[in-house]
Amino acid sequence: MDTTALTDAGTDFQSRLIDWYDANARDLPWRNDPSLYKTVVSEFMLQQTQVKTVLPYFAAWLRDYPDFATLAAATEEQVLKSWEGLGYYSRARNLHKLANELTALSDLPTDAKSWQAFPGIGPYAAAAICSISFSAPNAVVDGNVVRILSRLVADQKQYKTTTDAAKSYQILAAQLLNTARPGDHNQAMMELGATLCQKQKPQCLLCPVSKLCQARAAGIEESLPRLDKTQFEKITVDRAWIASDRGILLHKIPAAAKRMKGLHEIPTLEQLDLPKPKSKPLLERKRSITKYRITERFFPFESKTVANPLPADCLWAAPNTIAALPFSGPHRKWIAELLLM
């Protein structure tokens, strides 16, 4: 990977990029009347989630929790309920923990290293928050930036993951950083990757730095970056749909669980110690979580098949109480479908 030509043209790259950003930046709520709180919330929400999905959640979040103090005062169940449908719920719990830690401080740190000690803050989020909120000279490197830099220098090296590539590009990103406007530079890089330098069919004719792009000159821009294909794992989960005069049987994911703790779901056959029926499922749905491709199957059972007392972490919920309970987005949708059957 020869970066000499690009780093030699660093000032030209910075000016082309920032001029384009000033003229074309999307009107996003965390950029309007910016604050540390808005920046932090947006960075948490945008992890693994597209801007168009985040927008309504961000607006509702700011209404319910306008600042760190209000968020810290909320219960975890309230926070999870507000996050419902965004997925990756550890983000919500970490954001809640972060609010509690920040409100307890008399002085907030302004450097990326200190911010990485907070819950849910990795190198990327720390660089983004500190550059945008404190003008700290920290370059961000996420999937968008990896894509831009790999094409700019025509890097044909094969990387296992985006994370591995990001580590490799950290020095180059720092060399290209516009230290006069680090926050805007970082946002411009993310904006360029999200709107023009996309995975498929990059809009090179509109790109402000296309003249500096070695991959564009070689005609290989769409093949970069080179990342190993994700090996997906298929999983089938069988669940029991039990509705009776006592309500709908649910399972509350315990606090000791690694994922989605505190959320409610339709219980699995294993959780209820029930055999898999020979009949077809009442409902079958598919979804994806990271590397997993999951088939969810729902089988109807009579309430008398459930042990008394109920298995651990299971409860009956009246249909009119379900709206107030925190669920993952798919489970709430599936319950609505099953109730109509």
C-alpha atoms as a PDB file:
ATOM      1  CA  MET A   1       0.000   0.000   0.000  1.00  0.00           C
ATOM      2  CA  ASP A   2       1.763   3.148  -1.240  1.00  0.00           C
ATOM      3  CA  THR A   3       0.346   6.186   0.560  1.00  0.00           C
ATOM      4  CA  THR A   4       3.046   8.656  -0.453  1.00  0.00           C
ATOM      5  CA  ALA A   5       1.152  10.350  -3.271  1.00  0.00           C
ATOM      6  CA  LEU A   6      -1.952  10.809  -1.165  1.00  0.00           C
ATOM      7  CA  THR A   7      -0.169  12.136   1.922  1.00  0.00           C
ATOM      8  CA  ASP A   8       1.850  14.503  -0.272  1.00  0.00           C
ATOM      9  CA  ALA A   9      -1.482  15.858  -1.542  1.00  0.00           C
ATOM     10  CA  GLY A  10      -2.885  16.014   1.977  1.00  0.00           C
ATOM     11  CA  THR A  11      -3.715  19.724   1.987  1.00  0.00           C
ATOM     12  CA  ASP A  12      -5.455  19.428  -1.374  1.00  0.00           C
ATOM     13  CA  PHE A  13      -7.421  16.436  -0.084  1.00  0.00           C
ATOM     14  CA  GLN A  14      -8.471  18.296   3.065  1.00  0.00           C
ATOM     15  CA  SER A  15      -9.637  21.407   1.223  1.00  0.00           C
ATOM     16  CA  ARG A  16     -11.550  19.464  -1.444  1.00  0.00           C
ATOM     17  CA  LEU A  17     -13.257  17.356   1.213  1.00  0.00           C
ATOM     18  CA  ILE A  18     -14.209  20.172   3.587  1.00  0.00           C
ATOM     19  CA  ASP A  19     -15.468  22.435   0.778  1.00  0.00           C
ATOM     20  CA  TRP A  20     -17.700  19.606  -0.443  1.00  0.00           C
ATOM     21  CA  TYR A  21     -18.971  18.931   3.081  1.00  0.00           C
ATOM     22  CA  ASP A  22     -19.768  22.592   3.712  1.00  0.00           C
ATOM     23  CA  ALA A  23     -21.874  22.652   0.554  1.00  0.00           C
ATOM     24  CA  ASN A  24     -23.470  19.185   0.717  1.00  0.00           C
ATOM     25  CA  ALA A  25     -23.736  17.986   4.334  1.00  0.00           C
ATOM     26  CA  ARG A  26     -27.100  16.441   5.102  1.00  0.00           C
ATOM     27  CA  ASP A  27     -29.379  18.296   7.491  1.00  0.00           C
ATOM     28  CA  LEU A  28     -29.261  15.943  10.480  1.00  0.00           C
ATOM     29  CA  PRO A  29     -30.680  16.758  13.931  1.00  0.00           C
ATOM     30  CA  TRP A  30     -27.442  16.088  15.832  1.00  0.00           C
ATOM     31  CA  ARG A  31     -25.700  18.627  13.605  1.00  0.00           C
ATOM     32  CA  ASN A  32     -28.285  21.332  14.285  1.00  0.00           C
ATOM     33  CA  ASP A  33     -27.431  23.285  17.429  1.00  0.00           C
ATOM     34  CA  PRO A  34     -24.848  20.597  18.283  1.00  0.00           C
ATOM     35  CA  SER A  35     -24.043  19.575  21.841  1.00  0.00           C
ATOM     36  CA  LEU A  36     -21.979  16.915  23.540  1.00  0.00           C
ATOM     37  CA  TYR A  37     -25.158  15.084  24.520  1.00  0.00           C
ATOM     38  CA  LYS A  38     -26.546  15.030  20.978  1.00  0.00           C
ATOM     39  CA  THR A  39     -23.214  13.839  19.626  1.00  0.00           C
ATOM     40  CA  VAL A  40     -22.947  11.030  22.171  1.00  0.00           C
ATOM     41  CA  VAL A  41     -26.525   9.821  21.623  1.00  0.00           C
ATOM     42  CA  SER A  42     -26.137   9.893  17.840  1.00  0.00           C
ATOM     43  CA  GLU A  43     -22.868   7.957  17.961  1.00  0.00           C
ATOM     44  CA  PHE A  44     -24.458   5.227  20.085  1.00  0.00           C
ATOM     45  CA  MET A  45     -27.546   5.006  17.883  1.00  0.00           C
ATOM     46  CA  LEU A  46     -25.621   4.994  14.616  1.00  0.00           C
ATOM     47  CA  GLN A  47     -23.524   1.971  15.563  1.00  0.00           C
ATOM     48  CA  GLN A  48     -24.765  -0.856  13.305  1.00  0.00           C
ATOM     49  CA  THR A  49     -27.830   1.220  12.310  1.00  0.00           C
ATOM     50  CA  GLN A  50     -28.594   3.372   9.265  1.00  0.00           C
ATOM     51  CA  VAL A  51     -29.339   7.089   9.541  1.00  0.00           C
ATOM     52  CA  LYS A  52     -32.892   6.752   8.168  1.00  0.00           C
ATOM     53  CA  THR A  53     -33.710   4.238  10.913  1.00  0.00           C
ATOM     54  CA  VAL A  54     -32.154   6.360  13.655  1.00  0.00           C
ATOM     55  CA  LEU A  55     -33.888   9.660  12.830  1.00  0.00           C
ATOM     56  CA  PRO A  56     -37.310   9.014  14.447  1.00  0.00           C
ATOM     57  CA  TYR A  57     -35.696   7.321  17.451  1.00  0.00           C
ATOM     58  CA  PHE A  58     -33.329  10.247  17.961  1.00  0.00           C
ATOM     59  CA  ALA A  59     -36.187  12.758  17.955  1.00  0.00           C
ATOM     60  CA  ALA A  60     -38.219  10.710  20.444  1.00  0.00           C
ATOM     61  CA  TRP A  61     -35.149  10.141  22.632  1.00  0.00           C
ATOM     62  CA  LEU A  62     -34.432  13.873  22.869  1.00  0.00           C
ATOM     63  CA  ARG A  63     -38.043  14.491  23.909  1.00  0.00           C
ATOM     64  CA  ASP A  64     -37.903  11.842  26.646  1.00  0.00           C
ATOM     65  CA  TYR A  65     -34.304  12.369  27.738  1.00  0.00           C
ATOM     66  CA  PRO A  66     -33.144  15.896  26.790  1.00  0.00           C
ATOM     67  CA  ASP A  67     -29.844  15.662  28.693  1.00  0.00           C
ATOM     68  CA  PHE A  68     -27.512  13.348  30.555  1.00  0.00           C
ATOM     69  CA  ALA A  69     -29.149  14.083  33.925  1.00  0.00           C
ATOM     70  CA  THR A  70     -32.635  13.115  32.723  1.00  0.00           C
ATOM     71  CA  LEU A  71     -31.294   9.946  31.140  1.00  0.00           C
ATOM     72  CA  ALA A  72     -29.366   9.011  34.288  1.00  0.00           C
ATOM     73  CA  ALA A  73     -32.535   9.426  36.382  1.00  0.00           C
ATOM     74  CA  ALA A  74     -34.519   6.982  34.195  1.00  0.00           C
ATOM     75  CA  THR A  75     -34.790   3.290  35.018  1.00  0.00           C
ATOM     76  CA  GLU A  76     -33.108   0.711  32.809  1.00  0.00           C
ATOM     77  CA  GLU A  77     -36.513  -0.677  31.856  1.00  0.00           C
ATOM     78  CA  GLN A  78     -37.623   2.783  30.673  1.00  0.00           C
ATOM     79  CA  VAL A  79     -34.431   3.152  28.646  1.00  0.00           C
ATOM     80  CA  LEU A  80     -34.829  -0.267  27.026  1.00  0.00           C
ATOM     81  CA  LYS A  81     -38.447   0.516  26.210  1.00  0.00           C
ATOM     82  CA  SER A  82     -37.409   3.758  24.488  1.00  0.00           C
ATOM     83  CA  TRP A  83     -34.722   1.879  22.546  1.00  0.00           C
ATOM     84  CA  GLU A  84     -37.129  -0.861  21.456  1.00  0.00           C
ATOM     85  CA  GLY A  85     -36.747  -1.683  17.766  1.00  0.00           C
ATOM     86  CA  LEU A  86     -33.217  -0.265  17.332  1.00  0.00           C
ATOM     87  CA  GLY A  87     -31.590  -3.569  18.266  1.00  0.00           C
ATOM     88  CA  TYR A  88     -28.191  -4.227  19.846  1.00  0.00           C
ATOM     89  CA  TYR A  89     -29.614  -3.332  23.255  1.00  0.00           C
ATOM     90  CA  SER A  90     -26.251  -3.289  24.979  1.00  0.00           C
ATOM     91  CA  ARG A  91     -25.884   0.143  23.379  1.00  0.00           C
ATOM     92  CA  ALA A  92     -28.872   1.436  25.350  1.00  0.00           C
ATOM     93  CA  ARG A  93     -27.612  -0.030  28.616  1.00  0.00           C
ATOM     94  CA  ASN A  94     -24.123   1.381  28.053  1.00  0.00           C
ATOM     95  CA  LEU A  95     -25.536   4.800  27.153  1.00  0.00           C
ATOM     96  CA  HIS A  96     -27.553   4.736  30.376  1.00  0.00           C
ATOM     97  CA  LYS A  97     -24.463   3.751  32.393  1.00  0.00           C
ATOM     98  CA  LEU A  98     -22.437   6.461  30.654  1.00  0.00           C
ATOM     99  CA  ALA A  99     -25.020   9.106  31.585  1.00  0.00           C
ATOM    100  CA  ASN A 100     -24.777   8.038  35.227  1.00  0.00           C
ATOM    101  CA  GLU A 101     -20.983   8.229  35.191  1.00  0.00           C
ATOM    102  CA  LEU A 102     -20.851  11.608  33.432  1.00  0.00           C
ATOM    103  CA  THR A 103     -23.382  13.243  35.742  1.00  0.00           C
ATOM    104  CA  ALA A 104     -21.267  12.181  38.714  1.00  0.00           C
ATOM    105  CA  LEU A 105     -18.181  14.021  37.370  1.00  0.00           C
ATOM    106  CA  SER A 106     -17.332  17.622  38.185  1.00  0.00           C
ATOM    107  CA  ASP A 107     -15.188  17.965  35.052  1.00  0.00           C
ATOM    108  CA  LEU A 108     -15.625  16.093  31.780  1.00  0.00           C
ATOM    109  CA  PRO A 109     -12.525  14.729  30.040  1.00  0.00           C
ATOM    110  CA  THR A 110     -11.858  16.045  26.543  1.00  0.00           C
ATOM    111  CA  ASP A 111      -9.342  13.488  25.266  1.00  0.00           C
ATOM    112  CA  ALA A 112     -10.119  10.271  23.416  1.00  0.00           C
ATOM    113  CA  LYS A 113      -8.043   8.041  25.697  1.00  0.00           C
ATOM    114  CA  SER A 114     -10.064   9.055  28.753  1.00  0.00           C
ATOM    115  CA  TRP A 115     -13.357   8.601  26.912  1.00  0.00           C
ATOM    116  CA  GLN A 116     -12.470   5.026  26.017  1.00  0.00           C
ATOM    117  CA  ALA A 117     -12.708   4.188  29.713  1.00  0.00           C
ATOM    118  CA  PHE A 118     -16.456   4.917  29.663  1.00  0.00           C
ATOM    119  CA  PRO A 119     -19.094   2.209  28.989  1.00  0.00           C
ATOM    120  CA  GLY A 120     -19.696   1.475  25.326  1.00  0.00           C
ATOM    121  CA  ILE A 121     -16.973   3.815  24.054  1.00  0.00           C
ATOM    122  CA  GLY A 122     -14.387   2.302  21.706  1.00  0.00           C
ATOM    123  CA  PRO A 123     -11.647   3.997  19.669  1.00  0.00           C
ATOM    124  CA  TYR A 124     -14.016   5.094  16.912  1.00  0.00           C
ATOM    125  CA  ALA A 125     -16.684   6.602  19.196  1.00  0.00           C
ATOM    126  CA  ALA A 126     -14.038   8.293  21.355  1.00  0.00           C
ATOM    127  CA  ALA A 127     -12.411   9.901  18.308  1.00  0.00           C
ATOM    128  CA  ALA A 128     -15.766  11.017  16.907  1.00  0.00           C
ATOM    129  CA  ILE A 129     -17.046  12.482  20.176  1.00  0.00           C
ATOM    130  CA  CYS A 130     -13.825  14.261  21.093  1.00  0.00           C
ATOM    131  CA  SER A 131     -13.166  15.671  17.618  1.00  0.00           C
ATOM    132  CA  ILE A 132     -16.736  16.926  17.171  1.00  0.00           C
ATOM    133  CA  SER A 133     -17.359  18.203  20.701  1.00  0.00           C
ATOM    134  CA  PHE A 134     -13.880  19.287  21.796  1.00  0.00           C
ATOM    135  CA  SER A 135     -12.003  19.781  18.475  1.00  0.00           C
ATOM    136  CA  ALA A 136      -9.526  17.103  19.543  1.00  0.00           C
ATOM    137  CA  PRO A 137      -7.196  16.024  16.683  1.00  0.00           C
ATOM    138  CA  ASN A 138      -8.428  12.419  16.520  1.00  0.00           C
ATOM    139  CA  ALA A 139      -9.210  10.735  13.193  1.00  0.00           C
ATOM    140  CA  VAL A 140     -12.123   8.327  12.968  1.00  0.00           C
ATOM    141  CA  VAL A 141     -11.876   5.085  11.028  1.00  0.00           C
ATOM    142  CA  ASP A 142     -15.079   3.111  10.516  1.00  0.00           C
ATOM    143  CA  GLY A 143     -16.377   1.067   7.592  1.00  0.00           C
ATOM    144  CA  ASN A 144     -17.070   4.175   5.531  1.00  0.00           C
ATOM    145  CA  VAL A 145     -13.584   5.556   6.096  1.00  0.00           C
ATOM    146  CA  VAL A 146     -11.983   2.167   5.371  1.00  0.00           C
ATOM    147  CA  ARG A 147     -13.782   2.108   2.036  1.00  0.00           C
ATOM    148  CA  ILE A 148     -12.650   5.631   1.124  1.00  0.00           C
ATOM    149  CA  LEU A 149      -9.018   5.154   2.129  1.00  0.00           C
ATOM    150  CA  SER A 150      -8.669   1.731   0.517  1.00  0.00           C
ATOM    151  CA  ARG A 151      -9.822   3.224  -2.774  1.00  0.00           C
ATOM    152  CA  LEU A 152      -7.774   6.392  -2.491  1.00  0.00           C
ATOM    153  CA  VAL A 153      -4.545   4.357  -2.226  1.00  0.00           C
ATOM    154  CA  ALA A 154      -5.774   1.359  -4.287  1.00  0.00           C
ATOM    155  CA  ASP A 155      -4.968  -1.023  -1.444  1.00  0.00           C
ATOM    156  CA  GLN A 156      -5.538  -4.569  -2.729  1.00  0.00           C
ATOM    157  CA  LYS A 157      -4.522  -6.289   0.481  1.00  0.00           C
ATOM    158  CA  GLN A 158      -7.009  -8.867   1.780  1.00  0.00           C
ATOM    159  CA  TYR A 159      -8.344  -8.159   5.295  1.00  0.00           C
ATOM    160  CA  LYS A 160     -10.230 -10.560   7.523  1.00  0.00           C
ATOM    161  CA  THR A 161     -12.627  -7.951   8.882  1.00  0.00           C
ATOM    162  CA  THR A 162     -13.396  -4.248   8.693  1.00  0.00           C
ATOM    163  CA  THR A 163     -11.932  -3.938  12.188  1.00  0.00           C
ATOM    164  CA  ASP A 164      -8.588  -5.310  10.979  1.00  0.00           C
ATOM    165  CA  ALA A 165      -8.611  -2.908   8.037  1.00  0.00           C
ATOM    166  CA  ALA A 166      -9.493   0.013  10.316  1.00  0.00           C
ATOM    167  CA  LYS A 167      -6.436  -0.662  12.479  1.00  0.00           C
ATOM    168  CA  SER A 168      -4.267  -0.714   9.356  1.00  0.00           C
ATOM    169  CA  TYR A 169      -5.628   2.646   8.158  1.00  0.00           C
ATOM    170  CA  GLN A 170      -5.391   4.509  11.460  1.00  0.00           C
ATOM    171  CA  ILE A 171      -2.033   6.120  10.651  1.00  0.00           C
ATOM    172  CA  LEU A 172      -3.110   7.227   7.175  1.00  0.00           C
ATOM    173  CA  ALA A 173      -6.351   8.674   8.537  1.00  0.00           C
ATOM    174  CA  ALA A 174      -4.369  10.664  11.109  1.00  0.00           C
ATOM    175  CA  GLN A 175      -2.000  11.949   8.430  1.00  0.00           C
ATOM    176  CA  LEU A 176      -4.918  13.228   6.356  1.00  0.00           C
ATOM    177  CA  LEU A 177      -6.844  14.766   9.256  1.00  0.00           C
ATOM    178  CA  ASN A 178      -7.672  18.452   8.943  1.00  0.00           C
ATOM    179  CA  THR A 179      -6.519  19.525  12.399  1.00  0.00           C
ATOM    180  CA  ALA A 180      -8.045  22.982  11.972  1.00  0.00           C
ATOM    181  CA  ARG A 181     -11.517  21.395  11.736  1.00  0.00           C
ATOM    182  CA  PRO A 182     -11.144  17.799  12.964  1.00  0.00           C
ATOM    183  CA  GLY A 183     -14.813  17.271  13.833  1.00  0.00           C
ATOM    184  CA  ASP A 184     -16.048  18.520  10.460  1.00  0.00           C
ATOM    185  CA  HIS A 185     -13.339  16.545   8.663  1.00  0.00           C
ATOM    186  CA  ASN A 186     -14.416  13.321  10.379  1.00  0.00           C
ATOM    187  CA  GLN A 187     -18.064  13.973   9.635  1.00  0.00           C
ATOM    188  CA  ALA A 188     -17.142  14.759   6.029  1.00  0.00           C
ATOM    189  CA  MET A 189     -15.373  11.409   5.697  1.00  0.00           C
ATOM    190  CA  MET A 190     -18.388   9.569   7.092  1.00  0.00           C
ATOM    191  CA  GLU A 191     -20.700  11.606   4.871  1.00  0.00           C
ATOM    192  CA  LEU A 192     -18.667  10.861   1.769  1.00  0.00           C
ATOM    193  CA  GLY A 193     -18.727   7.138   2.460  1.00  0.00           C
ATOM    194  CA  ALA A 194     -22.444   7.112   3.234  1.00  0.00           C
ATOM    195  CA  THR A 195     -23.598   9.149   0.239  1.00  0.00           C
ATOM    196  CA  LEU A 196     -21.068   8.865  -2.625  1.00  0.00           C
ATOM    197  CA  CYS A 197     -18.274   6.363  -1.957  1.00  0.00           C
ATOM    198  CA  GLN A 198     -20.691   3.491  -1.438  1.00  0.00           C
ATOM    199  CA  LYS A 199     -20.046  -0.246  -1.600  1.00  0.00           C
ATOM    200  CA  GLN A 200     -21.758  -0.732  -4.941  1.00  0.00           C
ATOM    201  CA  LYS A 201     -21.845   1.798  -7.751  1.00  0.00           C
ATOM    202  CA  PRO A 202     -19.851   4.587  -6.096  1.00  0.00           C
ATOM    203  CA  GLN A 203     -20.736   7.983  -7.546  1.00  0.00           C
ATOM    204  CA  CYS A 204     -17.212   8.905  -8.565  1.00  0.00           C
ATOM    205  CA  LEU A 205     -18.292  11.674 -10.940  1.00  0.00           C
ATOM    206  CA  LEU A 206     -19.683  13.596  -7.956  1.00  0.00           C
ATOM    207  CA  CYS A 207     -16.846  12.767  -5.567  1.00  0.00           C
ATOM    208  CA  PRO A 208     -14.793  15.816  -4.510  1.00  0.00           C
ATOM    209  CA  VAL A 209     -11.568  13.778  -4.229  1.00  0.00           C
ATOM    210  CA  SER A 210     -11.950  11.475  -7.244  1.00  0.00           C
ATOM    211  CA  LYS A 211      -8.916  13.074  -8.942  1.00  0.00           C
ATOM    212  CA  LEU A 212      -6.789  11.840  -6.040  1.00  0.00           C
ATOM    213  CA  CYS A 213      -8.256   8.320  -6.077  1.00  0.00           C
ATOM    214  CA  GLN A 214      -5.801   5.689  -7.322  1.00  0.00           C
ATOM    215  CA  ALA A 215      -8.459   2.960  -7.489  1.00  0.00           C
ATOM    216  CA  ARG A 216     -10.627   5.173  -9.680  1.00  0.00           C
ATOM    217  CA  ALA A 217      -7.669   5.759 -11.998  1.00  0.00           C
ATOM    218  CA  ALA A 218      -7.076   2.010 -12.221  1.00  0.00           C
ATOM    219  CA  GLY A 219     -10.764   1.189 -12.649  1.00  0.00           C
ATOM    220  CA  ILE A 220     -10.891  -1.083  -9.588  1.00  0.00           C
ATOM    221  CA  GLU A 221     -12.851   1.094  -7.160  1.00  0.00           C
ATOM    222  CA  GLU A 222     -15.828  -1.260  -6.832  1.00  0.00           C
ATOM    223  CA  SER A 223     -13.606  -4.198  -5.838  1.00  0.00           C
ATOM    224  CA  LEU A 224     -12.176  -2.386  -2.799  1.00  0.00           C
ATOM    225  CA  PRO A 225     -11.791  -2.825   0.086  1.00  0.00           C
ATOM    226  CA  ARG A 226     -11.009  -6.531  -0.049  1.00  0.00           C
ATOM    227  CA  LEU A 227     -12.565  -8.230   2.963  1.00  0.00           C
ATOM    228  CA  ASP A 228     -13.079 -11.908   3.695  1.00  0.00           C
ATOM    229  CA  LYS A 229     -16.676 -12.973   3.265  1.00  0.00           C
ATOM    230  CA  THR A 230     -18.576 -13.410   6.499  1.00  0.00           C
ATOM    231  CA  GLN A 231     -19.316 -17.039   7.287  1.00  0.00           C
ATOM    232  CA  PHE A 232     -22.955 -17.116   8.344  1.00  0.00           C
ATOM    233  CA  GLU A 233     -24.298 -19.622  10.833  1.00  0.00           C
ATOM    234  CA  LYS A 234     -27.862 -20.900  10.476  1.00  0.00           C
ATOM    235  CA  ILE A 235     -29.898 -21.398  13.645  1.00  0.00           C
ATOM    236  CA  THR A 236     -33.455 -22.589  14.223  1.00  0.00           C
ATOM    237  CA  VAL A 237     -35.278 -21.477  17.381  1.00  0.00           C
ATOM    238  CA  ASP A 238     -38.554 -23.172  18.338  1.00  0.00           C
ATOM    239  CA  ARG A 239     -40.888 -21.157  20.567  1.00  0.00           C
ATOM    240  CA  ALA A 240     -44.135 -21.859  22.390  1.00  0.00           C
ATOM    241  CA  TRP A 241     -47.148 -19.613  21.796  1.00  0.00           C
ATOM    242  CA  ILE A 242     -49.430 -19.985  24.800  1.00  0.00           C
ATOM    243  CA  ALA A 243     -52.427 -17.668  25.199  1.00  0.00           C
ATOM    244  CA  SER A 244     -54.989 -18.276  27.929  1.00  0.00           C
ATOM    245  CA  ASP A 245     -57.374 -16.437  30.236  1.00  0.00           C
ATOM    246  CA  ARG A 246     -54.301 -15.624  32.351  1.00  0.00           C
ATOM    247  CA  GLY A 247     -52.706 -13.792  29.435  1.00  0.00           C
ATOM    248  CA  ILE A 248     -49.805 -14.551  27.121  1.00  0.00           C
ATOM    249  CA  LEU A 249     -46.881 -16.530  28.455  1.00  0.00           C
ATOM    250  CA  LEU A 250     -43.636 -14.576  28.169  1.00  0.00           C
ATOM    251  CA  HIS A 251     -40.029 -15.039  29.183  1.00  0.00           C
ATOM    252  CA  LYS A 252     -38.074 -12.131  30.662  1.00  0.00           C
ATOM    253  CA  ILE A 253     -34.406 -12.399  29.733  1.00  0.00           C
ATOM    254  CA  PRO A 254     -32.484 -12.438  33.046  1.00  0.00           C
ATOM    255  CA  ALA A 255     -29.916  -9.857  34.089  1.00  0.00           C
ATOM    256  CA  ALA A 256     -27.144 -12.465  33.859  1.00  0.00           C
ATOM    257  CA  ALA A 257     -27.738 -13.031  30.126  1.00  0.00           C
ATOM    258  CA  LYS A 258     -25.107 -11.884  27.629  1.00  0.00           C
ATOM    259  CA  ARG A 259     -27.627 -10.395  25.210  1.00  0.00           C
ATOM    260  CA  MET A 260     -30.917  -8.499  25.466  1.00  0.00           C
ATOM    261  CA  LYS A 261     -31.173  -8.823  29.251  1.00  0.00           C
ATOM    262  CA  GLY A 262     -34.285  -7.204  30.656  1.00  0.00           C
ATOM    263  CA  LEU A 263     -36.279  -7.649  27.450  1.00  0.00           C
ATOM    264  CA  HIS A 264     -39.311  -9.889  27.081  1.00  0.00           C
ATOM    265  CA  GLU A 265     -39.764 -12.584  24.461  1.00  0.00           C
ATOM    266  CA  ILE A 266     -41.928 -15.547  23.523  1.00  0.00           C
ATOM    267  CA  PRO A 267     -40.386 -18.486  25.435  1.00  0.00           C
ATOM    268  CA  THR A 268     -38.523 -21.299  23.729  1.00  0.00           C
ATOM    269  CA  LEU A 269     -39.546 -24.928  24.025  1.00  0.00           C
ATOM    270  CA  GLU A 270     -36.353 -25.588  26.000  1.00  0.00           C
ATOM    271  CA  GLN A 271     -37.187 -22.893  28.550  1.00  0.00           C
ATOM    272  CA  LEU A 272     -40.561 -24.547  29.162  1.00  0.00           C
ATOM    273  CA  ASP A 273     -39.239 -28.106  28.869  1.00  0.00           C
ATOM    274  CA  LEU A 274     -41.712 -28.873  26.082  1.00  0.00           C
ATOM    275  CA  PRO A 275     -41.252 -31.387  23.245  1.00  0.00           C
ATOM    276  CA  LYS A 276     -41.220 -30.224  19.649  1.00  0.00           C
ATOM    277  CA  PRO A 277     -44.608 -30.961  18.045  1.00  0.00           C
ATOM    278  CA  LYS A 278     -44.849 -33.007  14.864  1.00  0.00           C
ATOM    279  CA  SER A 279     -47.305 -30.486  13.414  1.00  0.00           C
ATOM    280  CA  LYS A 280     -46.336 -27.473  11.333  1.00  0.00           C
ATOM    281  CA  PRO A 281     -45.600 -24.247  13.226  1.00  0.00           C
ATOM    282  CA  LEU A 282     -48.319 -21.655  13.576  1.00  0.00           C
ATOM    283  CA  LEU A 283     -45.895 -19.000  12.332  1.00  0.00           C
ATOM    284  CA  GLU A 284     -42.368 -19.028  10.906  1.00  0.00           C
ATOM    285  CA  ARG A 285     -40.167 -15.962  10.514  1.00  0.00           C
ATOM    286  CA  LYS A 286     -36.525 -15.300   9.627  1.00  0.00           C
ATOM    287  CA  ARG A 287     -34.129 -12.645  10.867  1.00  0.00           C
ATOM    288  CA  SER A 288     -30.415 -11.868  10.990  1.00  0.00           C
ATOM    289  CA  ILE A 289     -28.244 -10.878  13.944  1.00  0.00           C
ATOM    290  CA  THR A 290     -24.567 -10.246  13.117  1.00  0.00           C
ATOM    291  CA  LYS A 291     -23.274 -13.521  11.615  1.00  0.00           C
ATOM    292  CA  TYR A 292     -26.372 -15.531  12.501  1.00  0.00           C
ATOM    293  CA  ARG A 293     -29.260 -16.329  10.162  1.00  0.00           C
ATOM    294  CA  ILE A 294     -32.100 -17.330  12.447  1.00  0.00           C
ATOM    295  CA  THR A 295     -35.347 -19.138  11.661  1.00  0.00           C
ATOM    296  CA  GLU A 296     -37.925 -18.587  14.415  1.00  0.00           C
ATOM    297  CA  ARG A 297     -40.801 -21.089  14.606  1.00  0.00           C
ATOM    298  CA  PHE A 298     -43.851 -20.669  16.827  1.00  0.00           C
ATOM    299  CA  PHE A 299     -45.907 -23.680  17.944  1.00  0.00           C
ATOM    300  CA  PRO A 300     -49.262 -23.384  19.765  1.00  0.00           C
ATOM    301  CA  PHE A 301     -49.619 -25.087  23.150  1.00  0.00           C
ATOM    302  CA  GLU A 302     -52.365 -25.357  25.758  1.00  0.00           C
ATOM    303  CA  SER A 303     -51.719 -23.492  28.998  1.00  0.00           C
ATOM    304  CA  LYS A 304     -52.096 -26.752  30.949  1.00  0.00           C
ATOM    305  CA  THR A 305     -48.853 -28.012  29.393  1.00  0.00           C
ATOM    306  CA  VAL A 306     -46.881 -25.432  31.369  1.00  0.00           C
ATOM    307  CA  ALA A 307     -45.483 -26.413  34.750  1.00  0.00           C
ATOM    308  CA  ASN A 308     -46.899 -24.859  37.901  1.00  0.00           C
ATOM    309  CA  PRO A 309     -45.169 -22.892  39.317  1.00  0.00           C
ATOM    310  CA  LEU A 310     -43.936 -21.297  36.113  1.00  0.00           C
ATOM    311  CA  PRO A 311     -40.372 -21.933  34.954  1.00  0.00           C
ATOM    312  CA  ALA A 312     -37.744 -19.367  35.934  1.00  0.00           C
ATOM    313  CA  ASP A 313     -38.176 -15.863  34.493  1.00  0.00           C
ATOM    314  CA  CYS A 314     -41.541 -16.696  32.876  1.00  0.00           C
ATOM    315  CA  LEU A 315     -44.706 -14.706  33.478  1.00  0.00           C
ATOM    316  CA  TRP A 316     -48.266 -14.283  32.279  1.00  0.00           C
ATOM    317  CA  ALA A 317     -48.964 -10.889  30.669  1.00  0.00           C
ATOM    318  CA  ALA A 318     -52.431  -9.608  29.846  1.00  0.00           C
ATOM    319  CA  PRO A 319     -52.643  -8.352  26.244  1.00  0.00           C
ATOM    320  CA  ASN A 320     -53.389  -4.804  27.432  1.00  0.00           C
ATOM    321  CA  THR A 321     -50.136  -4.730  29.448  1.00  0.00           C
ATOM    322  CA  ILE A 322     -47.842  -5.814  26.625  1.00  0.00           C
ATOM    323  CA  ALA A 323     -47.483  -2.304  25.193  1.00  0.00           C
ATOM    324  CA  ALA A 324     -45.748  -1.153  28.378  1.00  0.00           C
ATOM    325  CA  LEU A 325     -43.210  -4.007  28.458  1.00  0.00           C
ATOM    326  CA  PRO A 326     -39.853  -3.786  26.677  1.00  0.00           C
ATOM    327  CA  PHE A 327     -39.438  -6.231  23.778  1.00  0.00           C
ATOM    328  CA  SER A 328     -37.118  -6.556  20.829  1.00  0.00           C
ATOM    329  CA  GLY A 329     -38.795  -5.150  17.718  1.00  0.00           C
ATOM    330  CA  PRO A 330     -39.283  -8.575  16.064  1.00  0.00           C
ATOM    331  CA  HIS A 331     -40.914 -10.134  19.120  1.00  0.00           C
ATOM    332  CA  ARG A 332     -43.435  -7.309  19.450  1.00  0.00           C
ATOM    333  CA  LYS A 333     -44.291  -7.672  15.767  1.00  0.00           C
ATOM    334  CA  TRP A 334     -44.625 -11.450  16.049  1.00  0.00           C
ATOM    335  CA  ILE A 335     -46.927 -11.191  19.062  1.00  0.00           C
ATOM    336  CA  ALA A 336     -49.168  -8.808  17.133  1.00  0.00           C
ATOM    337  CA  GLU A 337     -49.298 -11.299  14.261  1.00  0.00           C
ATOM    338  CA  LEU A 338     -50.023 -14.264  16.528  1.00  0.00           C
ATOM    339  CA  LEU A 339     -52.801 -12.445  18.361  1.00  0.00           C
ATOM    340  CA  LEU A 340     -54.632 -12.068  15.044  1.00  0.00           C
ATOM    341  CA  MET A 341     -54.517 -15.807  14.321  1.00  0.00           C
END
